[in-house]
Amino acid sequence: MFVGTIVFDLLLGDVHSLKQKRAVVRPIVAELRRRFDVAVAEVGHQDLHRRTEVGVAVVAGDSRQCIDVLDAVERHVAYRPEIELLSTRRRIHNDEDEE
């Protein structure tokens, strides 16, 4: 079993409040869940209105499948016009990794 994770550091466009931020972030999270069948959550910068971190996780039987899904998710996030992708952090874990 393999678990792939990616965290996106995002700069949001024309956002001036936390309420506006939620209106941008929630649809992105929901679309990633629906389109790619992955676990997604806002995981950082919750107190900043123009910045957020979104984490994505996928579980698969082989590492190549994890990599393919994470690549597709990253392309999808990178091409969204209302956000700027500042950085990503990616890891692939397997069930034989030491604690």
N, C-alpha and C. Protein backbone atom coordinates (compact mmCIF):
# COMPACT_ATOMS: atom_id res chain seq x y z
N MET A 1 0.85 -1.17 0.00
CA MET A 1 0.00 0.00 0.00
C MET A 1 0.90 1.24 0.00
N PHE A 2 0.50 2.23 -0.78
CA PHE A 2 1.23 3.49 -0.86
C PHE A 2 0.27 4.64 -0.58
N VAL A 3 0.79 5.66 0.10
CA VAL A 3 0.03 6.87 0.37
C VAL A 3 0.83 8.03 -0.21
N GLY A 4 0.21 8.77 -1.11
CA GLY A 4 0.84 9.95 -1.68
C GLY A 4 0.21 11.19 -1.10
N THR A 5 1.05 12.16 -0.73
CA THR A 5 0.54 13.42 -0.20
C THR A 5 1.18 14.58 -0.94
N ILE A 6 0.40 15.65 -1.06
CA ILE A 6 0.92 16.89 -1.63
C ILE A 6 0.26 18.05 -0.89
N VAL A 7 1.05 19.06 -0.58
CA VAL A 7 0.55 20.26 0.07
C VAL A 7 0.83 21.44 -0.84
N PHE A 8 -0.21 22.20 -1.15
CA PHE A 8 -0.09 23.37 -2.00
C PHE A 8 -0.08 24.63 -1.14
N ASP A 9 0.88 25.49 -1.37
CA ASP A 9 0.90 26.82 -0.75
C ASP A 9 0.34 27.77 -1.82
N LEU A 10 -0.81 28.36 -1.53
CA LEU A 10 -1.54 29.14 -2.54
C LEU A 10 -1.70 30.59 -2.12
N LEU A 11 -1.59 31.47 -3.10
CA LEU A 11 -1.91 32.88 -2.94
C LEU A 11 -3.22 33.12 -3.67
N LEU A 12 -4.19 33.63 -2.96
CA LEU A 12 -5.51 33.84 -3.53
C LEU A 12 -5.58 35.21 -4.19
N GLY A 13 -6.40 35.33 -5.21
CA GLY A 13 -6.53 36.57 -5.97
C GLY A 13 -7.18 37.69 -5.19
N ASP A 14 -8.24 38.23 -5.71
CA ASP A 14 -8.91 39.41 -5.17
C ASP A 14 -9.78 39.02 -3.97
N VAL A 15 -9.13 38.75 -2.84
CA VAL A 15 -9.80 38.31 -1.63
C VAL A 15 -9.47 39.31 -0.52
N HIS A 16 -10.51 39.83 0.16
CA HIS A 16 -10.29 40.85 1.18
C HIS A 16 -10.82 40.47 2.56
N SER A 17 -11.32 39.25 2.71
CA SER A 17 -11.83 38.82 4.01
C SER A 17 -11.76 37.30 4.09
N LEU A 18 -11.90 36.79 5.30
CA LEU A 18 -11.92 35.33 5.47
C LEU A 18 -13.16 34.72 4.84
N LYS A 19 -14.26 35.47 4.82
CA LYS A 19 -15.48 34.98 4.18
C LYS A 19 -15.27 34.83 2.67
N GLN A 20 -14.62 35.78 2.04
CA GLN A 20 -14.32 35.68 0.62
C GLN A 20 -13.34 34.53 0.36
N LYS A 21 -12.40 34.35 1.29
CA LYS A 21 -11.44 33.26 1.16
C LYS A 21 -12.17 31.92 1.13
N ARG A 22 -13.11 31.73 2.06
CA ARG A 22 -13.88 30.47 2.08
C ARG A 22 -14.63 30.26 0.77
N ALA A 23 -15.11 31.35 0.18
CA ALA A 23 -15.86 31.24 -1.09
C ALA A 23 -14.95 30.80 -2.23
N VAL A 24 -13.65 31.02 -2.11
CA VAL A 24 -12.70 30.57 -3.13
C VAL A 24 -12.20 29.16 -2.82
N VAL A 25 -11.86 28.91 -1.56
CA VAL A 25 -11.22 27.64 -1.18
C VAL A 25 -12.20 26.47 -1.19
N ARG A 26 -13.40 26.66 -0.68
CA ARG A 26 -14.36 25.54 -0.60
C ARG A 26 -14.64 24.89 -1.96
N PRO A 27 -14.89 25.66 -3.02
CA PRO A 27 -15.12 25.01 -4.32
C PRO A 27 -13.90 24.25 -4.84
N ILE A 28 -12.71 24.75 -4.56
CA ILE A 28 -11.50 24.05 -4.99
C ILE A 28 -11.39 22.71 -4.28
N VAL A 29 -11.58 22.71 -2.97
CA VAL A 29 -11.52 21.48 -2.18
C VAL A 29 -12.58 20.48 -2.65
N ALA A 30 -13.80 20.96 -2.84
CA ALA A 30 -14.89 20.07 -3.27
C ALA A 30 -14.63 19.49 -4.66
N GLU A 31 -14.12 20.31 -5.56
CA GLU A 31 -13.85 19.82 -6.92
C GLU A 31 -12.73 18.79 -6.93
N LEU A 32 -11.68 19.01 -6.15
CA LEU A 32 -10.59 18.02 -6.09
C LEU A 32 -11.10 16.69 -5.54
N ARG A 33 -11.94 16.74 -4.50
CA ARG A 33 -12.52 15.51 -3.94
C ARG A 33 -13.33 14.76 -5.00
N ARG A 34 -14.20 15.49 -5.66
CA ARG A 34 -15.10 14.88 -6.62
C ARG A 34 -14.37 14.37 -7.86
N ARG A 35 -13.50 15.18 -8.39
CA ARG A 35 -12.87 14.86 -9.67
C ARG A 35 -11.81 13.77 -9.55
N PHE A 36 -11.04 13.78 -8.45
CA PHE A 36 -9.91 12.86 -8.34
C PHE A 36 -10.08 11.79 -7.27
N ASP A 37 -11.19 11.80 -6.53
CA ASP A 37 -11.45 10.81 -5.48
C ASP A 37 -10.29 10.75 -4.48
N VAL A 38 -9.93 11.91 -3.93
CA VAL A 38 -8.84 12.03 -2.98
C VAL A 38 -9.35 12.68 -1.70
N ALA A 39 -8.57 12.59 -0.64
CA ALA A 39 -8.88 13.31 0.60
C ALA A 39 -8.24 14.69 0.49
N VAL A 40 -8.99 15.73 0.83
CA VAL A 40 -8.51 17.12 0.68
C VAL A 40 -8.96 17.93 1.89
N ALA A 41 -8.08 18.84 2.34
CA ALA A 41 -8.44 19.75 3.43
C ALA A 41 -7.57 20.99 3.37
N GLU A 42 -8.12 22.08 3.87
CA GLU A 42 -7.31 23.27 4.09
C GLU A 42 -6.49 22.99 5.35
N VAL A 43 -5.17 23.05 5.24
CA VAL A 43 -4.32 22.60 6.34
C VAL A 43 -3.41 23.68 6.91
N GLY A 44 -3.44 24.87 6.35
CA GLY A 44 -2.57 25.91 6.88
C GLY A 44 -3.01 27.30 6.47
N HIS A 45 -2.49 28.29 7.17
CA HIS A 45 -2.79 29.71 6.91
C HIS A 45 -4.28 30.02 7.03
N GLN A 46 -4.99 29.36 7.93
CA GLN A 46 -6.42 29.60 8.06
C GLN A 46 -6.74 31.01 8.55
N ASP A 47 -5.80 31.67 9.21
CA ASP A 47 -6.06 33.00 9.74
C ASP A 47 -5.69 34.13 8.77
N LEU A 48 -5.10 33.79 7.62
CA LEU A 48 -4.74 34.79 6.61
C LEU A 48 -5.78 34.79 5.50
N HIS A 49 -6.17 35.96 5.02
CA HIS A 49 -7.25 35.97 4.03
C HIS A 49 -6.77 35.81 2.59
N ARG A 50 -5.50 36.04 2.27
CA ARG A 50 -5.04 35.90 0.88
C ARG A 50 -4.15 34.69 0.68
N ARG A 51 -3.97 33.88 1.70
CA ARG A 51 -3.06 32.76 1.60
C ARG A 51 -3.70 31.53 2.21
N THR A 52 -3.38 30.36 1.65
CA THR A 52 -3.88 29.12 2.21
C THR A 52 -2.94 27.98 1.85
N GLU A 53 -3.02 26.92 2.62
CA GLU A 53 -2.37 25.66 2.27
C GLU A 53 -3.47 24.61 2.17
N VAL A 54 -3.43 23.85 1.08
CA VAL A 54 -4.39 22.78 0.86
C VAL A 54 -3.61 21.48 0.75
N GLY A 55 -4.00 20.50 1.55
CA GLY A 55 -3.35 19.20 1.53
C GLY A 55 -4.23 18.17 0.84
N VAL A 56 -3.58 17.29 0.08
CA VAL A 56 -4.27 16.24 -0.67
C VAL A 56 -3.57 14.91 -0.37
N ALA A 57 -4.36 13.86 -0.17
CA ALA A 57 -3.80 12.52 0.05
C ALA A 57 -4.53 11.51 -0.81
N VAL A 58 -3.76 10.54 -1.30
CA VAL A 58 -4.33 9.46 -2.11
C VAL A 58 -3.70 8.14 -1.65
N VAL A 59 -4.50 7.08 -1.65
CA VAL A 59 -4.02 5.74 -1.29
C VAL A 59 -4.16 4.86 -2.53
N ALA A 60 -3.10 4.08 -2.81
CA ALA A 60 -3.12 3.22 -4.00
C ALA A 60 -2.27 1.98 -3.75
N GLY A 61 -2.42 1.02 -4.63
CA GLY A 61 -1.68 -0.23 -4.51
C GLY A 61 -0.25 -0.14 -4.98
N ASP A 62 0.07 0.87 -5.81
CA ASP A 62 1.46 1.03 -6.25
C ASP A 62 1.82 2.52 -6.32
N SER A 63 3.11 2.79 -6.24
CA SER A 63 3.57 4.18 -6.17
C SER A 63 3.28 4.94 -7.46
N ARG A 64 3.33 4.27 -8.60
CA ARG A 64 3.09 4.94 -9.89
C ARG A 64 1.67 5.54 -9.93
N GLN A 65 0.70 4.80 -9.41
CA GLN A 65 -0.67 5.31 -9.39
C GLN A 65 -0.77 6.55 -8.50
N CYS A 66 -0.10 6.53 -7.35
CA CYS A 66 -0.08 7.72 -6.48
C CYS A 66 0.53 8.91 -7.21
N ILE A 67 1.64 8.68 -7.85
CA ILE A 67 2.33 9.76 -8.58
C ILE A 67 1.45 10.31 -9.69
N ASP A 68 0.79 9.44 -10.44
CA ASP A 68 -0.08 9.89 -11.53
C ASP A 68 -1.23 10.75 -11.01
N VAL A 69 -1.85 10.33 -9.92
CA VAL A 69 -2.97 11.10 -9.36
C VAL A 69 -2.46 12.45 -8.84
N LEU A 70 -1.35 12.45 -8.12
CA LEU A 70 -0.82 13.70 -7.59
C LEU A 70 -0.40 14.65 -8.72
N ASP A 71 0.16 14.10 -9.80
CA ASP A 71 0.51 14.93 -10.96
C ASP A 71 -0.74 15.60 -11.54
N ALA A 72 -1.80 14.82 -11.70
CA ALA A 72 -3.05 15.37 -12.26
C ALA A 72 -3.64 16.43 -11.35
N VAL A 73 -3.62 16.18 -10.04
CA VAL A 73 -4.13 17.16 -9.08
C VAL A 73 -3.30 18.44 -9.14
N GLU A 74 -1.99 18.30 -9.20
CA GLU A 74 -1.12 19.49 -9.26
C GLU A 74 -1.37 20.30 -10.53
N ARG A 75 -1.50 19.64 -11.66
CA ARG A 75 -1.80 20.36 -12.91
C ARG A 75 -3.12 21.11 -12.79
N HIS A 76 -4.11 20.45 -12.22
CA HIS A 76 -5.43 21.07 -12.07
C HIS A 76 -5.36 22.33 -11.20
N VAL A 77 -4.65 22.25 -10.09
CA VAL A 77 -4.53 23.40 -9.19
C VAL A 77 -3.71 24.51 -9.86
N ALA A 78 -2.64 24.15 -10.53
CA ALA A 78 -1.75 25.14 -11.14
C ALA A 78 -2.44 25.97 -12.21
N TYR A 79 -3.42 25.40 -12.89
CA TYR A 79 -4.09 26.10 -13.99
C TYR A 79 -5.32 26.89 -13.57
N ARG A 80 -5.61 26.94 -12.29
CA ARG A 80 -6.77 27.72 -11.83
C ARG A 80 -6.42 29.20 -11.88
N PRO A 81 -7.23 30.00 -12.57
CA PRO A 81 -6.88 31.42 -12.75
C PRO A 81 -7.02 32.28 -11.50
N GLU A 82 -7.85 31.87 -10.54
CA GLU A 82 -8.10 32.71 -9.37
C GLU A 82 -7.07 32.54 -8.26
N ILE A 83 -6.10 31.64 -8.46
CA ILE A 83 -5.07 31.41 -7.45
C ILE A 83 -3.70 31.37 -8.10
N GLU A 84 -2.68 31.61 -7.27
CA GLU A 84 -1.29 31.48 -7.71
C GLU A 84 -0.65 30.40 -6.87
N LEU A 85 -0.09 29.41 -7.53
CA LEU A 85 0.59 28.31 -6.85
C LEU A 85 2.00 28.77 -6.47
N LEU A 86 2.26 28.94 -5.17
CA LEU A 86 3.56 29.41 -4.71
C LEU A 86 4.56 28.27 -4.57
N SER A 87 4.12 27.13 -4.02
CA SER A 87 5.01 25.98 -3.87
C SER A 87 4.20 24.72 -3.59
N THR A 88 4.87 23.58 -3.72
CA THR A 88 4.26 22.30 -3.38
C THR A 88 5.27 21.48 -2.58
N ARG A 89 4.75 20.62 -1.73
CA ARG A 89 5.55 19.63 -1.01
C ARG A 89 4.88 18.28 -1.24
N ARG A 90 5.64 17.32 -1.72
CA ARG A 90 5.08 16.03 -2.09
C ARG A 90 5.87 14.90 -1.43
N ARG A 91 5.14 13.86 -1.00
CA ARG A 91 5.77 12.67 -0.43
C ARG A 91 4.98 11.43 -0.83
N ILE A 92 5.71 10.34 -0.98
CA ILE A 92 5.10 9.03 -1.19
C ILE A 92 5.57 8.15 -0.04
N HIS A 93 4.62 7.58 0.69
CA HIS A 93 4.91 6.70 1.82
C HIS A 93 4.45 5.29 1.43
N ASN A 94 5.15 4.28 1.92
CA ASN A 94 4.62 2.92 1.75
C ASN A 94 4.52 2.25 3.10
N ASP A 95 3.82 1.13 3.14
CA ASP A 95 3.56 0.48 4.42
C ASP A 95 4.79 -0.17 5.03
N GLU A 96 5.90 -0.16 4.32
CA GLU A 96 7.14 -0.70 4.85
C GLU A 96 8.07 0.40 5.39
N ASP A 97 7.65 1.67 5.29
CA ASP A 97 8.44 2.77 5.86
C ASP A 97 8.55 2.58 7.36
N GLU A 98 9.69 2.94 7.89
CA GLU A 98 9.86 2.85 9.35
C GLU A 98 9.18 4.03 10.01
N GLU A 99 8.68 3.81 11.18
CA GLU A 99 7.98 4.84 11.95
C GLU A 99 8.91 5.95 12.32
